[in-house]
């Protein structure tokens, strides 16, 4: 009877250990996805703002067919929680937004990064990591 009890204890410890490892892995993946999703959400909002600026007349504070002069709010440049950073490149007919997170991405080497190119006809996303 003692051998069965020891065997049950050993099996229980192994099962609990495996469950803990799986839980830790799932938590890490969730943090990466949350970081990436937040960056994408911010870039979508900024893209919409840039297109609105492009379409507004100069008299109303817009670019009148140009992205020149458009800037992002200071809030988006670097968040207080330091979870992401957004860099912009503004040209006359396009805006490039690069969003950088703090979580290590899919490749296991560099942080999460998403690029958006805003043009008058639409928005193009590319997820790098």
N, C-alpha and C. Protein backbone atom coordinates (compact mmCIF):
# COMPACT_ATOMS: atom_id res chain seq x y z
N UNK A 1 0.82 -1.19 0.00
CA UNK A 1 0.00 0.00 0.00
C UNK A 1 0.86 1.26 0.00
N UNK A 2 2.02 1.24 0.64
CA UNK A 2 2.91 2.38 0.69
C UNK A 2 3.46 2.75 -0.68
N UNK A 3 3.70 1.73 -1.51
CA UNK A 3 4.23 1.99 -2.85
C UNK A 3 3.19 2.69 -3.72
N UNK A 4 1.92 2.34 -3.58
CA UNK A 4 0.87 2.99 -4.37
C UNK A 4 0.74 4.45 -3.98
N UNK A 5 0.83 4.75 -2.70
CA UNK A 5 0.72 6.12 -2.23
C UNK A 5 1.90 6.96 -2.73
N UNK A 6 3.10 6.42 -2.68
CA UNK A 6 4.27 7.13 -3.19
C UNK A 6 4.15 7.38 -4.70
N UNK A 7 3.65 6.37 -5.40
CA UNK A 7 3.46 6.51 -6.85
C UNK A 7 2.44 7.61 -7.16
N UNK A 8 1.36 7.65 -6.42
CA UNK A 8 0.34 8.70 -6.61
C UNK A 8 0.90 10.08 -6.31
N UNK A 9 1.73 10.20 -5.28
CA UNK A 9 2.33 11.48 -4.94
C UNK A 9 3.28 11.93 -6.06
N UNK A 10 4.10 11.02 -6.56
CA UNK A 10 5.03 11.36 -7.63
C UNK A 10 4.28 11.77 -8.89
N UNK A 11 3.25 11.04 -9.24
CA UNK A 11 2.44 11.39 -10.43
C UNK A 11 1.77 12.74 -10.24
N UNK A 12 1.26 13.01 -9.04
CA UNK A 12 0.62 14.30 -8.76
C UNK A 12 1.61 15.45 -8.90
N UNK A 13 2.83 15.27 -8.38
CA UNK A 13 3.84 16.32 -8.48
C UNK A 13 4.20 16.57 -9.95
N UNK A 14 4.32 15.54 -10.74
CA UNK A 14 4.65 15.69 -12.17
C UNK A 14 3.52 16.43 -12.90
N UNK A 15 2.29 16.06 -12.63
CA UNK A 15 1.14 16.71 -13.29
C UNK A 15 1.06 18.17 -12.90
N UNK A 16 1.25 18.49 -11.63
CA UNK A 16 1.21 19.89 -11.19
C UNK A 16 2.36 20.67 -11.82
N UNK A 17 3.54 20.08 -11.89
CA UNK A 17 4.68 20.74 -12.52
C UNK A 17 4.43 21.06 -13.97
N UNK A 18 3.87 20.12 -14.69
CA UNK A 18 3.54 20.34 -16.10
C UNK A 18 2.49 21.45 -16.24
N UNK A 19 1.49 21.46 -15.38
CA UNK A 19 0.46 22.49 -15.43
C UNK A 19 1.06 23.88 -15.17
N UNK A 20 2.00 23.97 -14.26
CA UNK A 20 2.64 25.27 -13.97
C UNK A 20 3.44 25.75 -15.18
N UNK A 21 4.18 24.88 -15.81
CA UNK A 21 4.97 25.26 -16.99
C UNK A 21 4.06 25.72 -18.12
N UNK A 22 2.98 25.01 -18.36
CA UNK A 22 2.03 25.39 -19.41
C UNK A 22 1.41 26.74 -19.08
N UNK A 23 1.05 26.97 -17.84
CA UNK A 23 0.46 28.25 -17.43
C UNK A 23 1.42 29.42 -17.63
N UNK A 24 2.68 29.22 -17.29
CA UNK A 24 3.67 30.28 -17.47
C UNK A 24 3.87 30.59 -18.95
N UNK A 25 3.90 29.58 -19.80
CA UNK A 25 4.04 29.78 -21.24
C UNK A 25 2.85 30.55 -21.80
N UNK A 26 1.66 30.17 -21.39
CA UNK A 26 0.45 30.84 -21.87
C UNK A 26 0.43 32.30 -21.42
N UNK A 27 0.89 32.58 -20.22
CA UNK A 27 0.93 33.96 -19.74
C UNK A 27 1.88 34.80 -20.58
N UNK A 28 3.05 34.26 -20.92
CA UNK A 28 4.02 34.98 -21.74
C UNK A 28 3.48 35.28 -23.13
N UNK A 29 2.83 34.32 -23.74
CA UNK A 29 2.24 34.51 -25.07
C UNK A 29 1.14 35.56 -25.01
N UNK A 30 0.36 35.54 -23.96
CA UNK A 30 -0.72 36.51 -23.80
C UNK A 30 -0.17 37.93 -23.66
N UNK A 31 0.91 38.10 -22.94
CA UNK A 31 1.52 39.42 -22.78
C UNK A 31 2.03 39.96 -24.11
N UNK A 32 2.64 39.10 -24.91
CA UNK A 32 3.13 39.52 -26.22
C UNK A 32 1.98 39.95 -27.12
N UNK A 33 0.93 39.14 -27.17
CA UNK A 33 -0.22 39.47 -28.02
C UNK A 33 -0.91 40.75 -27.55
N UNK A 34 -1.02 40.95 -26.24
CA UNK A 34 -1.65 42.17 -25.72
C UNK A 34 -0.83 43.40 -26.11
N UNK A 35 0.49 43.30 -26.01
CA UNK A 35 1.36 44.40 -26.39
C UNK A 35 1.21 44.73 -27.87
N UNK A 36 1.20 43.71 -28.71
CA UNK A 36 1.05 43.89 -30.16
C UNK A 36 -0.33 44.48 -30.48
N UNK A 37 -1.38 43.96 -29.86
CA UNK A 37 -2.73 44.46 -30.12
C UNK A 37 -2.88 45.92 -29.72
N UNK A 38 -2.26 46.32 -28.61
CA UNK A 38 -2.34 47.72 -28.18
C UNK A 38 -1.63 48.64 -29.17
N UNK A 39 -0.49 48.21 -29.68
CA UNK A 39 0.22 49.00 -30.67
C UNK A 39 -0.61 49.14 -31.94
N UNK A 40 -1.19 48.04 -32.40
CA UNK A 40 -2.02 48.09 -33.60
C UNK A 40 -3.21 49.02 -33.40
N UNK A 41 -3.84 48.95 -32.24
CA UNK A 41 -4.98 49.82 -31.95
C UNK A 41 -4.57 51.30 -32.00
N UNK A 42 -3.45 51.63 -31.38
CA UNK A 42 -2.98 53.01 -31.41
C UNK A 42 -2.64 53.47 -32.83
N UNK A 43 -2.03 52.59 -33.60
CA UNK A 43 -1.67 52.96 -34.98
C UNK A 43 -2.91 53.14 -35.85
N UNK A 44 -3.95 52.36 -35.62
CA UNK A 44 -5.20 52.55 -36.36
C UNK A 44 -5.81 53.91 -36.03
N UNK A 45 -5.81 54.27 -34.75
CA UNK A 45 -6.34 55.59 -34.36
C UNK A 45 -5.53 56.72 -34.97
N UNK A 46 -4.21 56.59 -34.94
CA UNK A 46 -3.36 57.62 -35.52
C UNK A 46 -3.52 57.70 -37.03
N UNK A 47 -3.69 56.56 -37.68
CA UNK A 47 -3.90 56.53 -39.13
C UNK A 47 -5.17 57.26 -39.51
N UNK A 48 -6.20 57.04 -38.73
CA UNK A 48 -7.48 57.72 -38.97
C UNK A 48 -7.31 59.23 -38.79
N UNK A 49 -6.57 59.63 -37.77
CA UNK A 49 -6.32 61.04 -37.53
C UNK A 49 -5.52 61.67 -38.68
N UNK A 50 -4.54 60.93 -39.18
CA UNK A 50 -3.72 61.43 -40.30
C UNK A 50 -4.56 61.59 -41.56
N UNK A 51 -5.44 60.64 -41.82
CA UNK A 51 -6.29 60.76 -43.02
C UNK A 51 -7.28 61.91 -42.88
N UNK A 52 -7.78 62.13 -41.68
CA UNK A 52 -8.67 63.27 -41.46
C UNK A 52 -7.93 64.58 -41.71
N UNK A 53 -6.70 64.67 -41.24
CA UNK A 53 -5.87 65.86 -41.47
C UNK A 53 -5.65 66.07 -42.96
N UNK A 54 -5.38 65.01 -43.69
CA UNK A 54 -5.14 65.09 -45.13
C UNK A 54 -6.37 65.65 -45.87
N UNK A 55 -7.54 65.26 -45.45
CA UNK A 55 -8.77 65.63 -46.17
C UNK A 55 -9.32 67.00 -45.77
N UNK A 56 -8.93 67.51 -44.59
CA UNK A 56 -9.42 68.83 -44.15
C UNK A 56 -8.74 69.95 -44.92
N UNK A 57 -9.49 71.02 -45.12
CA UNK A 57 -8.93 72.22 -45.74
C UNK A 57 -8.02 72.93 -44.74
N UNK A 58 -7.09 73.72 -45.25
CA UNK A 58 -6.16 74.45 -44.38
C UNK A 58 -6.89 75.38 -43.42
N UNK A 59 -7.98 75.97 -43.88
CA UNK A 59 -8.75 76.90 -43.04
C UNK A 59 -9.30 76.22 -41.78
N UNK A 60 -9.46 74.92 -41.85
CA UNK A 60 -10.01 74.16 -40.72
C UNK A 60 -8.94 73.38 -39.97
N UNK A 61 -7.68 73.70 -40.23
CA UNK A 61 -6.60 73.05 -39.51
C UNK A 61 -6.12 71.75 -40.14
N UNK A 62 -6.34 71.60 -41.43
CA UNK A 62 -5.93 70.38 -42.11
C UNK A 62 -4.78 70.60 -43.07
N UNK A 63 -4.50 69.57 -43.83
CA UNK A 63 -3.38 69.62 -44.77
C UNK A 63 -3.78 69.94 -46.19
N UNK A 64 -5.05 69.93 -46.50
CA UNK A 64 -5.56 70.25 -47.84
C UNK A 64 -4.88 69.41 -48.91
N UNK A 65 -4.93 68.09 -48.74
CA UNK A 65 -4.34 67.19 -49.73
C UNK A 65 -2.88 66.87 -49.50
N UNK A 66 -2.38 67.14 -48.30
CA UNK A 66 -0.99 66.84 -47.96
C UNK A 66 -0.92 66.41 -46.49
N UNK A 67 0.01 65.51 -46.21
CA UNK A 67 0.23 65.10 -44.82
C UNK A 67 1.25 65.99 -44.12
N UNK A 68 1.94 66.86 -44.88
CA UNK A 68 2.95 67.74 -44.30
C UNK A 68 2.31 68.58 -43.19
N UNK A 69 2.98 68.64 -42.06
CA UNK A 69 2.48 69.42 -40.94
C UNK A 69 1.72 68.60 -39.92
N UNK A 70 1.38 67.37 -40.25
CA UNK A 70 0.65 66.51 -39.31
C UNK A 70 1.62 65.95 -38.27
N UNK A 71 1.24 66.02 -37.03
CA UNK A 71 2.05 65.44 -35.95
C UNK A 71 1.15 64.61 -35.05
N UNK A 72 1.75 63.70 -34.32
CA UNK A 72 0.96 62.88 -33.39
C UNK A 72 0.96 63.56 -32.03
N UNK A 73 -0.10 63.35 -31.25
CA UNK A 73 -0.13 63.92 -29.90
C UNK A 73 1.02 63.39 -29.05
N UNK A 74 1.48 64.19 -28.10
CA UNK A 74 2.59 63.80 -27.24
C UNK A 74 2.29 62.51 -26.48
N UNK A 75 1.03 62.29 -26.17
CA UNK A 75 0.64 61.09 -25.43
C UNK A 75 1.10 59.82 -26.15
N UNK A 76 1.03 59.82 -27.47
CA UNK A 76 1.38 58.63 -28.24
C UNK A 76 2.88 58.47 -28.46
N UNK A 77 3.65 59.54 -28.29
CA UNK A 77 5.09 59.43 -28.55
C UNK A 77 5.76 58.47 -27.57
N UNK A 78 5.41 58.57 -26.32
CA UNK A 78 5.94 57.62 -25.34
C UNK A 78 4.95 57.56 -24.18
N UNK A 79 4.35 56.41 -24.00
CA UNK A 79 3.35 56.26 -22.95
C UNK A 79 4.00 56.24 -21.58
N UNK A 80 3.21 56.61 -20.58
CA UNK A 80 3.71 56.64 -19.21
C UNK A 80 4.15 55.26 -18.74
N UNK A 81 3.45 54.24 -19.13
CA UNK A 81 3.81 52.89 -18.68
C UNK A 81 4.96 52.30 -19.49
N UNK A 82 5.46 53.05 -20.44
CA UNK A 82 6.61 52.64 -21.28
C UNK A 82 6.39 51.29 -21.94
N UNK A 83 5.16 51.01 -22.33
CA UNK A 83 4.85 49.75 -22.99
C UNK A 83 4.99 49.84 -24.50
N UNK A 84 5.08 51.05 -25.03
CA UNK A 84 5.22 51.18 -26.48
C UNK A 84 5.80 52.53 -26.84
N UNK A 85 6.30 52.60 -28.05
CA UNK A 85 6.91 53.82 -28.57
C UNK A 85 6.53 53.92 -30.04
N UNK A 86 6.15 55.12 -30.49
CA UNK A 86 5.73 55.30 -31.88
C UNK A 86 6.61 56.36 -32.54
N UNK A 87 7.16 56.03 -33.70
CA UNK A 87 8.00 56.95 -34.47
C UNK A 87 7.30 57.22 -35.80
N UNK A 88 7.31 58.49 -36.23
CA UNK A 88 6.62 58.83 -37.47
C UNK A 88 7.59 59.40 -38.50
N UNK A 89 7.24 59.20 -39.77
CA UNK A 89 7.92 59.83 -40.90
C UNK A 89 6.81 60.39 -41.79
N UNK A 90 6.77 61.71 -41.93
CA UNK A 90 5.70 62.37 -42.69
C UNK A 90 6.26 62.85 -44.02
N UNK A 91 5.56 62.47 -45.09
CA UNK A 91 5.86 62.96 -46.43
C UNK A 91 4.60 63.63 -46.96
N UNK A 92 4.68 64.21 -48.14
CA UNK A 92 3.52 64.92 -48.68
C UNK A 92 2.34 63.98 -48.92
N UNK A 93 2.59 62.81 -49.48
CA UNK A 93 1.50 61.90 -49.85
C UNK A 93 1.46 60.63 -49.02
N UNK A 94 2.22 60.57 -47.93
CA UNK A 94 2.16 59.38 -47.08
C UNK A 94 2.71 59.69 -45.69
N UNK A 95 2.31 58.85 -44.76
CA UNK A 95 2.83 58.90 -43.39
C UNK A 95 3.21 57.47 -43.02
N UNK A 96 4.40 57.31 -42.48
CA UNK A 96 4.83 56.00 -42.01
C UNK A 96 4.89 56.05 -40.49
N UNK A 97 4.17 55.12 -39.86
CA UNK A 97 4.15 55.02 -38.40
C UNK A 97 4.79 53.69 -38.00
N UNK A 98 5.78 53.75 -37.14
CA UNK A 98 6.41 52.54 -36.62
C UNK A 98 6.13 52.46 -35.13
N UNK A 99 5.50 51.39 -34.72
CA UNK A 99 5.19 51.18 -33.31
C UNK A 99 6.08 50.09 -32.74
N UNK A 100 6.70 50.39 -31.61
CA UNK A 100 7.62 49.45 -30.96
C UNK A 100 7.09 49.13 -29.57
N UNK A 101 7.03 47.85 -29.22
CA UNK A 101 6.60 47.43 -27.90
C UNK A 101 7.79 47.11 -27.02
N UNK A 102 7.50 46.60 -25.83
CA UNK A 102 8.57 46.22 -24.91
C UNK A 102 8.68 44.72 -24.75
N UNK A 103 7.68 43.99 -25.17
CA UNK A 103 7.71 42.53 -25.06
C UNK A 103 8.55 41.94 -26.19
N UNK A 104 9.30 40.89 -25.89
CA UNK A 104 10.07 40.19 -26.91
C UNK A 104 9.07 39.43 -27.79
N UNK A 105 9.19 39.60 -29.09
CA UNK A 105 8.21 39.06 -30.02
C UNK A 105 8.40 37.60 -30.40
N UNK A 106 7.84 37.25 -31.54
CA UNK A 106 7.81 35.86 -32.01
C UNK A 106 9.18 35.26 -32.27
N UNK A 107 10.13 36.08 -32.71
CA UNK A 107 11.45 35.53 -33.03
C UNK A 107 12.31 35.29 -31.80
N UNK A 108 11.89 35.77 -30.64
CA UNK A 108 12.62 35.55 -29.41
C UNK A 108 13.84 36.43 -29.23
N UNK A 109 14.08 37.37 -30.15
CA UNK A 109 15.28 38.21 -30.08
C UNK A 109 14.96 39.69 -29.94
N UNK A 110 13.99 40.18 -30.68
CA UNK A 110 13.70 41.61 -30.66
C UNK A 110 12.27 41.86 -30.20
N UNK A 111 12.00 43.13 -29.87
CA UNK A 111 10.68 43.48 -29.35
C UNK A 111 9.63 43.52 -30.46
N UNK A 112 8.39 43.57 -30.04
CA UNK A 112 7.25 43.64 -30.96
C UNK A 112 7.37 44.92 -31.79
N UNK A 113 7.14 44.81 -33.10
CA UNK A 113 7.20 45.99 -33.97
C UNK A 113 6.14 45.88 -35.06
N UNK A 114 5.44 46.99 -35.29
CA UNK A 114 4.40 47.06 -36.32
C UNK A 114 4.62 48.34 -37.12
N UNK A 115 4.49 48.25 -38.44
CA UNK A 115 4.62 49.43 -39.30
C UNK A 115 3.32 49.65 -40.05
N UNK A 116 2.91 50.91 -40.13
CA UNK A 116 1.72 51.29 -40.89
C UNK A 116 2.12 52.39 -41.86
N UNK A 117 1.71 52.23 -43.10
CA UNK A 117 1.90 53.28 -44.09
C UNK A 117 0.52 53.80 -44.46
N UNK A 118 0.32 55.10 -44.20
CA UNK A 118 -0.97 55.75 -44.46
C UNK A 118 -0.85 56.52 -45.77
N UNK A 119 -1.75 56.25 -46.69
CA UNK A 119 -1.81 56.96 -47.96
C UNK A 119 -3.25 57.44 -48.16
N UNK A 120 -3.47 58.35 -49.09
CA UNK A 120 -4.84 58.83 -49.30
C UNK A 120 -5.83 57.70 -49.65
N UNK A 121 -5.36 56.67 -50.33
CA UNK A 121 -6.26 55.59 -50.75
C UNK A 121 -6.47 54.52 -49.68
N UNK A 122 -5.64 54.47 -48.65
CA UNK A 122 -5.82 53.44 -47.64
C UNK A 122 -4.65 53.31 -46.69
N UNK A 123 -4.71 52.25 -45.89
CA UNK A 123 -3.72 52.01 -44.85
C UNK A 123 -3.14 50.61 -45.04
N UNK A 124 -1.81 50.48 -44.98
CA UNK A 124 -1.16 49.18 -45.10
C UNK A 124 -0.42 48.85 -43.80
N UNK A 125 -0.71 47.68 -43.25
CA UNK A 125 -0.07 47.21 -42.01
C UNK A 125 0.96 46.14 -42.33
N UNK A 126 2.03 46.13 -41.53
CA UNK A 126 2.99 45.03 -41.58
C UNK A 126 3.46 44.78 -40.15
N UNK A 127 3.30 43.53 -39.71
CA UNK A 127 3.75 43.12 -38.38
C UNK A 127 5.09 42.44 -38.54
N UNK A 128 6.11 42.99 -37.91
CA UNK A 128 7.46 42.46 -38.03
C UNK A 128 7.78 41.40 -36.98
N UNK A 129 7.22 41.53 -35.80
CA UNK A 129 7.58 40.60 -34.75
C UNK A 129 6.48 40.52 -33.73
